PDB file of N, CA and C in Angstrom:
ATOM      1  N   MET A   1       0.842  -1.173   0.000  1.00  0.00           N
ATOM      2  CA  MET A   1       0.000   0.000   0.000  1.00  0.00           C
ATOM      3  C   MET A   1       0.895   1.246   0.000  1.00  0.00           C
ATOM      4  N   PRO A   2       0.640   2.214  -0.871  1.00  0.00           N
ATOM      5  CA  PRO A   2       1.459   3.430  -0.904  1.00  0.00           C
ATOM      6  C   PRO A   2       1.136   4.360   0.274  1.00  0.00           C
ATOM      7  N   HIS A   3       2.099   5.210   0.590  1.00  0.00           N
ATOM      8  CA  HIS A   3       1.881   6.187   1.658  1.00  0.00           C
ATOM      9  C   HIS A   3       1.014   7.351   1.144  1.00  0.00           C
ATOM     10  N   THR A   4       0.518   8.145   2.055  1.00  0.00           N
ATOM     11  CA  THR A   4      -0.244   9.341   1.704  1.00  0.00           C
ATOM     12  C   THR A   4       0.694  10.315   1.006  1.00  0.00           C
ATOM     13  N   PRO A   5       0.329  10.792  -0.174  1.00  0.00           N
ATOM     14  CA  PRO A   5       1.229  11.704  -0.889  1.00  0.00           C
ATOM     15  C   PRO A   5       1.414  13.023  -0.146  1.00  0.00           C
ATOM     16  N   GLY A   6       2.554  13.638  -0.379  1.00  0.00           N
ATOM     17  CA  GLY A   6       2.848  14.935   0.213  1.00  0.00           C
ATOM     18  C   GLY A   6       2.330  16.047  -0.667  1.00  0.00           C
ATOM     19  N   PRO A   7       2.562  17.262  -0.327  1.00  0.00           N
ATOM     20  CA  PRO A   7       3.360  17.650   0.842  1.00  0.00           C
ATOM     21  C   PRO A   7       2.571  17.517   2.142  1.00  0.00           C
ATOM     22  N   TRP A   8       3.318  17.290   3.210  1.00  0.00           N
ATOM     23  CA  TRP A   8       2.741  17.256   4.538  1.00  0.00           C
ATOM     24  C   TRP A   8       3.151  18.544   5.247  1.00  0.00           C
ATOM     25  N   THR A   9       2.301  19.020   6.127  1.00  0.00           N
ATOM     26  CA  THR A   9       2.550  20.268   6.844  1.00  0.00           C
ATOM     27  C   THR A   9       2.515  20.006   8.340  1.00  0.00           C
ATOM     28  N   GLN A  10       3.416  20.657   9.044  1.00  0.00           N
ATOM     29  CA  GLN A  10       3.477  20.536  10.497  1.00  0.00           C
ATOM     30  C   GLN A  10       2.646  21.636  11.132  1.00  0.00           C
ATOM     31  N   HIS A  11       1.749  21.255  12.024  1.00  0.00           N
ATOM     32  CA  HIS A  11       0.993  22.189  12.857  1.00  0.00           C
ATOM     33  C   HIS A  11       1.256  21.789  14.303  1.00  0.00           C
ATOM     34  N   GLY A  12       2.249  22.428  14.910  1.00  0.00           N
ATOM     35  CA  GLY A  12       2.640  22.028  16.261  1.00  0.00           C
ATOM     36  C   GLY A  12       3.190  20.621  16.230  1.00  0.00           C
ATOM     37  N   ILE A  13       2.529  19.699  16.949  1.00  0.00           N
ATOM     38  CA  ILE A  13       2.992  18.310  16.968  1.00  0.00           C
ATOM     39  C   ILE A  13       2.097  17.407  16.112  1.00  0.00           C
ATOM     40  N   THR A  14       1.275  18.017  15.277  1.00  0.00           N
ATOM     41  CA  THR A  14       0.415  17.260  14.365  1.00  0.00           C
ATOM     42  C   THR A  14       0.875  17.501  12.934  1.00  0.00           C
ATOM     43  N   ILE A  15       0.864  16.441  12.136  1.00  0.00           N
ATOM     44  CA  ILE A  15       1.255  16.532  10.729  1.00  0.00           C
ATOM     45  C   ILE A  15      -0.006  16.285   9.912  1.00  0.00           C
ATOM     46  N   VAL A  16      -0.251  17.167   8.936  1.00  0.00           N
ATOM     47  CA  VAL A  16      -1.462  17.075   8.126  1.00  0.00           C
ATOM     48  C   VAL A  16      -1.116  17.147   6.647  1.00  0.00           C
ATOM     49  N   ARG A  17      -2.069  16.715   5.846  1.00  0.00           N
ATOM     50  CA  ARG A  17      -2.010  16.893   4.396  1.00  0.00           C
ATOM     51  C   ARG A  17      -3.258  17.647   4.015  1.00  0.00           C
ATOM     52  N   GLU A  18      -3.091  18.689   3.218  1.00  0.00           N
ATOM     53  CA  GLU A  18      -4.233  19.461   2.767  1.00  0.00           C
ATOM     54  C   GLU A  18      -4.737  18.906   1.451  1.00  0.00           C
ATOM     55  N   GLY A  19      -6.038  18.833   1.331  1.00  0.00           N
ATOM     56  CA  GLY A  19      -6.638  18.367   0.098  1.00  0.00           C
ATOM     57  C   GLY A  19      -8.072  18.823   0.001  1.00  0.00           C
ATOM     58  N   ARG A  20      -8.403  19.464  -1.105  1.00  0.00           N
ATOM     59  CA  ARG A  20      -9.765  19.958  -1.341  1.00  0.00           C
ATOM     60  C   ARG A  20     -10.247  20.862  -0.229  1.00  0.00           C
ATOM     61  N   GLY A  21      -9.341  21.691   0.278  1.00  0.00           N
ATOM     62  CA  GLY A  21      -9.694  22.650   1.315  1.00  0.00           C
ATOM     63  C   GLY A  21      -9.846  22.068   2.709  1.00  0.00           C
ATOM     64  N   VAL A  22      -9.478  20.797   2.886  1.00  0.00           N
ATOM     65  CA  VAL A  22      -9.599  20.129   4.179  1.00  0.00           C
ATOM     66  C   VAL A  22      -8.221  19.626   4.593  1.00  0.00           C
ATOM     67  N   GLU A  23      -7.916  19.705   5.882  1.00  0.00           N
ATOM     68  CA  GLU A  23      -6.668  19.146   6.394  1.00  0.00           C
ATOM     69  C   GLU A  23      -6.927  17.742   6.931  1.00  0.00           C
ATOM     70  N   TYR A  24      -6.160  16.773   6.402  1.00  0.00           N
ATOM     71  CA  TYR A  24      -6.271  15.385   6.837  1.00  0.00           C
ATOM     72  C   TYR A  24      -5.101  15.066   7.752  1.00  0.00           C
ATOM     73  N   PRO A  25      -5.372  14.619   8.984  1.00  0.00           N
ATOM     74  CA  PRO A  25      -4.257  14.276   9.874  1.00  0.00           C
ATOM     75  C   PRO A  25      -3.483  13.060   9.358  1.00  0.00           C
ATOM     76  N   ILE A  26      -2.163  13.177   9.388  1.00  0.00           N
ATOM     77  CA  ILE A  26      -1.261  12.089   8.999  1.00  0.00           C
ATOM     78  C   ILE A  26      -0.675  11.443  10.251  1.00  0.00           C
ATOM     79  N   ALA A  27      -0.235  12.279  11.198  1.00  0.00           N
ATOM     80  CA  ALA A  27       0.395  11.771  12.421  1.00  0.00           C
ATOM     81  C   ALA A  27       0.276  12.819  13.521  1.00  0.00           C
ATOM     82  N   HIS A  28       0.373  12.338  14.735  1.00  0.00           N
ATOM     83  CA  HIS A  28       0.383  13.212  15.912  1.00  0.00           C
ATOM     84  C   HIS A  28       1.473  12.689  16.829  1.00  0.00           C
ATOM     85  N   CYS A  29       2.415  13.539  17.164  1.00  0.00           N
ATOM     86  CA  CYS A  29       3.544  13.104  17.987  1.00  0.00           C
ATOM     87  C   CYS A  29       3.139  12.999  19.453  1.00  0.00           C
ATOM     88  N   SER A  30       3.670  12.018  20.113  1.00  0.00           N
ATOM     89  CA  SER A  30       3.337  11.727  21.500  1.00  0.00           C
ATOM     90  C   SER A  30       3.628  12.910  22.406  1.00  0.00           C
ATOM     91  N   ASP A  31       2.725  13.123  23.343  1.00  0.00           N
ATOM     92  CA  ASP A  31       2.981  14.152  24.343  1.00  0.00           C
ATOM     93  C   ASP A  31       3.626  13.551  25.594  1.00  0.00           C
ATOM     94  N   LEU A  32       4.132  12.329  25.468  1.00  0.00           N
ATOM     95  CA  LEU A  32       4.814  11.669  26.584  1.00  0.00           C
ATOM     96  C   LEU A  32       6.313  11.950  26.592  1.00  0.00           C
ATOM     97  N   VAL A  33       6.775  12.726  25.623  1.00  0.00           N
ATOM     98  CA  VAL A  33       8.181  13.128  25.577  1.00  0.00           C
ATOM     99  C   VAL A  33       8.242  14.640  25.728  1.00  0.00           C
ATOM    100  N   PRO A  34       9.403  15.190  26.060  1.00  0.00           N
ATOM    101  CA  PRO A  34       9.518  16.636  26.237  1.00  0.00           C
ATOM    102  C   PRO A  34       9.080  17.408  24.983  1.00  0.00           C
ATOM    103  N   GLU A  35       8.565  18.623  25.205  1.00  0.00           N
ATOM    104  CA  GLU A  35       8.014  19.430  24.113  1.00  0.00           C
ATOM    105  C   GLU A  35       9.004  19.643  22.970  1.00  0.00           C
ATOM    106  N   GLY A  36      10.244  19.942  23.272  1.00  0.00           N
ATOM    107  CA  GLY A  36      11.242  20.146  22.223  1.00  0.00           C
ATOM    108  C   GLY A  36      11.423  18.906  21.366  1.00  0.00           C
ATOM    109  N   GLU A  37      11.377  17.761  22.001  1.00  0.00           N
ATOM    110  CA  GLU A  37      11.504  16.498  21.277  1.00  0.00           C
ATOM    111  C   GLU A  37      10.254  16.245  20.418  1.00  0.00           C
ATOM    112  N   GLN A  38       9.086  16.590  20.949  1.00  0.00           N
ATOM    113  CA  GLN A  38       7.842  16.457  20.179  1.00  0.00           C
ATOM    114  C   GLN A  38       7.927  17.255  18.881  1.00  0.00           C
ATOM    115  N   LEU A  39       8.361  18.502  18.994  1.00  0.00           N
ATOM    116  CA  LEU A  39       8.444  19.374  17.820  1.00  0.00           C
ATOM    117  C   LEU A  39       9.495  18.878  16.832  1.00  0.00           C
ATOM    118  N   ALA A  40      10.622  18.391  17.351  1.00  0.00           N
ATOM    119  CA  ALA A  40      11.664  17.848  16.473  1.00  0.00           C
ATOM    120  C   ALA A  40      11.143  16.609  15.734  1.00  0.00           C
ATOM    121  N   ASN A  41      10.409  15.761  16.431  1.00  0.00           N
ATOM    122  CA  ASN A  41       9.822  14.578  15.795  1.00  0.00           C
ATOM    123  C   ASN A  41       8.832  14.996  14.710  1.00  0.00           C
ATOM    124  N   ALA A  42       8.014  15.992  15.006  1.00  0.00           N
ATOM    125  CA  ALA A  42       7.021  16.467  14.035  1.00  0.00           C
ATOM    126  C   ALA A  42       7.697  17.040  12.792  1.00  0.00           C
ATOM    127  N   ARG A  43       8.772  17.807  12.986  1.00  0.00           N
ATOM    128  CA  ARG A  43       9.509  18.357  11.829  1.00  0.00           C
ATOM    129  C   ARG A  43      10.033  17.232  10.949  1.00  0.00           C
ATOM    130  N   LEU A  44      10.598  16.214  11.575  1.00  0.00           N
ATOM    131  CA  LEU A  44      11.159  15.084  10.832  1.00  0.00           C
ATOM    132  C   LEU A  44      10.069  14.337  10.061  1.00  0.00           C
ATOM    133  N   ILE A  45       8.972  14.037  10.715  1.00  0.00           N
ATOM    134  CA  ILE A  45       7.887  13.301  10.059  1.00  0.00           C
ATOM    135  C   ILE A  45       7.299  14.117   8.912  1.00  0.00           C
ATOM    136  N   ALA A  46       7.105  15.414   9.121  1.00  0.00           N
ATOM    137  CA  ALA A  46       6.507  16.264   8.084  1.00  0.00           C
ATOM    138  C   ALA A  46       7.360  16.313   6.819  1.00  0.00           C
ATOM    139  N   LYS A  47       8.650  16.114   6.947  1.00  0.00           N
ATOM    140  CA  LYS A  47       9.558  16.178   5.795  1.00  0.00           C
ATOM    141  C   LYS A  47       9.742  14.828   5.106  1.00  0.00           C
ATOM    142  N   ALA A  48       9.091  13.781   5.598  1.00  0.00           N
ATOM    143  CA  ALA A  48       9.268  12.443   5.027  1.00  0.00           C
ATOM    144  C   ALA A  48       9.019  12.379   3.524  1.00  0.00           C
ATOM    145  N   PRO A  49       7.939  12.959   2.992  1.00  0.00           N
ATOM    146  CA  PRO A  49       7.752  12.884   1.538  1.00  0.00           C
ATOM    147  C   PRO A  49       8.879  13.557   0.753  1.00  0.00           C
ATOM    148  N   GLU A  50       9.371  14.689   1.259  1.00  0.00           N
ATOM    149  CA  GLU A  50      10.490  15.364   0.588  1.00  0.00           C
ATOM    150  C   GLU A  50      11.757  14.528   0.667  1.00  0.00           C
ATOM    151  N   MET A  51      11.986  13.888   1.833  1.00  0.00           N
ATOM    152  CA  MET A  51      13.168  13.041   1.977  1.00  0.00           C
ATOM    153  C   MET A  51      13.116  11.868   1.004  1.00  0.00           C
ATOM    154  N   LEU A  52      11.951  11.249   0.865  1.00  0.00           N
ATOM    155  CA  LEU A  52      11.806  10.125  -0.055  1.00  0.00           C
ATOM    156  C   LEU A  52      12.072  10.564  -1.493  1.00  0.00           C
ATOM    157  N   SER A  53      11.521  11.687  -1.882  1.00  0.00           N
ATOM    158  CA  SER A  53      11.734  12.197  -3.239  1.00  0.00           C
ATOM    159  C   SER A  53      13.209  12.485  -3.501  1.00  0.00           C
ATOM    160  N   LEU A  54      13.845  13.134  -2.541  1.00  0.00           N
ATOM    161  CA  LEU A  54      15.259  13.465  -2.692  1.00  0.00           C
ATOM    162  C   LEU A  54      16.120  12.207  -2.708  1.00  0.00           C
ATOM    163  N   LEU A  55      15.801  11.234  -1.885  1.00  0.00           N
ATOM    164  CA  LEU A  55      16.544   9.976  -1.876  1.00  0.00           C
ATOM    165  C   LEU A  55      16.453   9.286  -3.238  1.00  0.00           C
ATOM    166  N   ARG A  56      15.291   9.312  -3.827  1.00  0.00           N
ATOM    167  CA  ARG A  56      15.134   8.719  -5.159  1.00  0.00           C
ATOM    168  C   ARG A  56      16.003   9.449  -6.186  1.00  0.00           C
ATOM    169  N   GLN A  57      16.084  10.778  -6.081  1.00  0.00           N
ATOM    170  CA  GLN A  57      16.919  11.553  -6.999  1.00  0.00           C
ATOM    171  C   GLN A  57      18.395  11.209  -6.812  1.00  0.00           C
ATOM    172  N   VAL A  58      18.829  11.113  -5.567  1.00  0.00           N
ATOM    173  CA  VAL A  58      20.236  10.815  -5.279  1.00  0.00           C
ATOM    174  C   VAL A  58      20.600   9.421  -5.787  1.00  0.00           C
ATOM    175  N   VAL A  59      19.712   8.462  -5.607  1.00  0.00           N
ATOM    176  CA  VAL A  59      19.974   7.101  -6.091  1.00  0.00           C
ATOM    177  C   VAL A  59      20.061   7.100  -7.616  1.00  0.00           C
ATOM    178  N   ALA A  60      19.206   7.880  -8.262  1.00  0.00           N
ATOM    179  CA  ALA A  60      19.209   7.933  -9.729  1.00  0.00           C
ATOM    180  C   ALA A  60      20.472   8.595 -10.269  1.00  0.00           C
ATOM    181  N   ASP A  61      20.980   9.623  -9.563  1.00  0.00           N
ATOM    182  CA  ASP A  61      22.171  10.335 -10.034  1.00  0.00           C
ATOM    183  C   ASP A  61      22.980  10.828  -8.832  1.00  0.00           C
ATOM    184  N   PRO A  62      23.845   9.976  -8.268  1.00  0.00           N
ATOM    185  CA  PRO A  62      24.592  10.348  -7.064  1.00  0.00           C
ATOM    186  C   PRO A  62      25.571  11.501  -7.260  1.00  0.00           C
ATOM    187  N   TRP A  63      25.839  11.893  -8.494  1.00  0.00           N
ATOM    188  CA  TRP A  63      26.788  12.985  -8.751  1.00  0.00           C
ATOM    189  C   TRP A  63      26.099  14.315  -8.972  1.00  0.00           C
ATOM    190  N   ASP A  64      24.804  14.378  -8.791  1.00  0.00           N
ATOM    191  CA  ASP A  64      24.033  15.604  -9.016  1.00  0.00           C
ATOM    192  C   ASP A  64      24.258  16.575  -7.854  1.00  0.00           C
ATOM    193  N   ASN A  65      25.000  17.648  -8.121  1.00  0.00           N
ATOM    194  CA  ASN A  65      25.295  18.635  -7.081  1.00  0.00           C
ATOM    195  C   ASN A  65      24.035  19.301  -6.548  1.00  0.00           C
ATOM    196  N   ASP A  66      23.036  19.494  -7.397  1.00  0.00           N
ATOM    197  CA  ASP A  66      21.794  20.120  -6.960  1.00  0.00           C
ATOM    198  C   ASP A  66      21.111  19.266  -5.890  1.00  0.00           C
ATOM    199  N   CYS A  67      21.148  17.945  -6.056  1.00  0.00           N
ATOM    200  CA  CYS A  67      20.565  17.044  -5.056  1.00  0.00           C
ATOM    201  C   CYS A  67      21.273  17.187  -3.715  1.00  0.00           C
ATOM    202  N   ARG A  68      22.588  17.290  -3.768  1.00  0.00           N
ATOM    203  CA  ARG A  68      23.340  17.451  -2.514  1.00  0.00           C
ATOM    204  C   ARG A  68      22.979  18.761  -1.834  1.00  0.00           C
ATOM    205  N   ASP A  69      22.845  19.836  -2.601  1.00  0.00           N
ATOM    206  CA  ASP A  69      22.450  21.124  -2.030  1.00  0.00           C
ATOM    207  C   ASP A  69      21.047  21.047  -1.430  1.00  0.00           C
ATOM    208  N   GLN A  70      20.138  20.376  -2.138  1.00  0.00           N
ATOM    209  CA  GLN A  70      18.777  20.204  -1.624  1.00  0.00           C
ATOM    210  C   GLN A  70      18.788  19.377  -0.344  1.00  0.00           C
ATOM    211  N   ALA A  71      19.629  18.357  -0.298  1.00  0.00           N
ATOM    212  CA  ALA A  71      19.727  17.512   0.898  1.00  0.00           C
ATOM    213  C   ALA A  71      20.241  18.326   2.086  1.00  0.00           C
ATOM    214  N   ARG A  72      21.237  19.155   1.858  1.00  0.00           N
ATOM    215  CA  ARG A  72      21.759  19.996   2.941  1.00  0.00           C
ATOM    216  C   ARG A  72      20.674  20.950   3.458  1.00  0.00           C
ATOM    217  N   ALA A  73      19.926  21.558   2.543  1.00  0.00           N
ATOM    218  CA  ALA A  73      18.853  22.485   2.930  1.00  0.00           C
ATOM    219  C   ALA A  73      17.760  21.744   3.701  1.00  0.00           C
ATOM    220  N   LEU A  74      17.420  20.556   3.257  1.00  0.00           N
ATOM    221  CA  LEU A  74      16.399  19.767   3.923  1.00  0.00           C
ATOM    222  C   LEU A  74      16.842  19.374   5.328  1.00  0.00           C
ATOM    223  N   LEU A  75      18.092  18.997   5.479  1.00  0.00           N
ATOM    224  CA  LEU A  75      18.614  18.672   6.815  1.00  0.00           C
ATOM    225  C   LEU A  75      18.547  19.878   7.747  1.00  0.00           C
ATOM    226  N   ARG A  76      18.849  21.070   7.219  1.00  0.00           N
ATOM    227  CA  ARG A  76      18.748  22.279   8.047  1.00  0.00           C
ATOM    228  C   ARG A  76      17.302  22.503   8.488  1.00  0.00           C
ATOM    229  N   GLU A  77      16.346  22.298   7.589  1.00  0.00           N
ATOM    230  CA  GLU A  77      14.935  22.455   7.948  1.00  0.00           C
ATOM    231  C   GLU A  77      14.525  21.455   9.021  1.00  0.00           C
ATOM    232  N   ILE A  78      14.942  20.210   8.850  1.00  0.00           N
ATOM    233  CA  ILE A  78      14.583  19.170   9.815  1.00  0.00           C
ATOM    234  C   ILE A  78      15.173  19.494  11.187  1.00  0.00           C
ATOM    235  N   LYS A  79      16.369  20.040  11.208  1.00  0.00           N
ATOM    236  CA  LYS A  79      17.022  20.389  12.471  1.00  0.00           C
ATOM    237  C   LYS A  79      16.469  21.675  13.054  1.00  0.00           C
ATOM    238  N   GLY A  80      15.589  22.364  12.305  1.00  0.00           N
ATOM    239  CA  GLY A  80      14.993  23.592  12.798  1.00  0.00           C
ATOM    240  C   GLY A  80      15.879  24.805  12.636  1.00  0.00           C
ATOM    241  N   GLU A  81      16.884  24.701  11.774  1.00  0.00           N
ATOM    242  CA  GLU A  81      17.782  25.810  11.527  1.00  0.00           C
ATOM    243  C   GLU A  81      17.186  26.731  10.465  1.00  0.00           C
ATOM    244  N   GLU A  82      17.578  27.968  10.506  1.00  0.00           N
ATOM    245  CA  GLU A  82      17.122  28.932   9.504  1.00  0.00           C
ATOM    246  C   GLU A  82      17.659  28.549   8.140  1.00  0.00           C
ATOM    247  N   THR A  83      16.835  28.731   7.122  1.00  0.00           N
ATOM    248  CA  THR A  83      17.269  28.490   5.762  1.00  0.00           C
ATOM    249  C   THR A  83      17.204  29.793   4.998  1.00  0.00           C
ATOM    250  N   THR A  84      18.048  29.908   3.983  1.00  0.00           N
ATOM    251  CA  THR A  84      18.029  31.097   3.150  1.00  0.00           C
ATOM    252  C   THR A  84      17.462  30.720   1.792  1.00  0.00           C
ATOM    253  N   ALA A  85      16.652  31.601   1.267  1.00  0.00           N
ATOM    254  CA  ALA A  85      16.026  31.318  -0.025  1.00  0.00           C
ATOM    255  C   ALA A  85      16.877  31.794  -1.167  1.00  0.00           C
TER     256      ALA A  85
END
């Protein structure tokens, strides 16, 4: 069975997918761990579709510099670091 297509969006500790003007919940991070950890988990889960897409690109062409740059930017987002456009 395929996963729910992205993009997924993080709303606090809940991850949703928007479709037809409605937000569908994908995941909700446990509130049994510290708040900072909850948010970090949510950021990671929300980026899963982008990570999968990028991984497929890297496997198809491991020498693609653009993929490496995208991977670095994605890692910064997952870590909660500021990104520059």
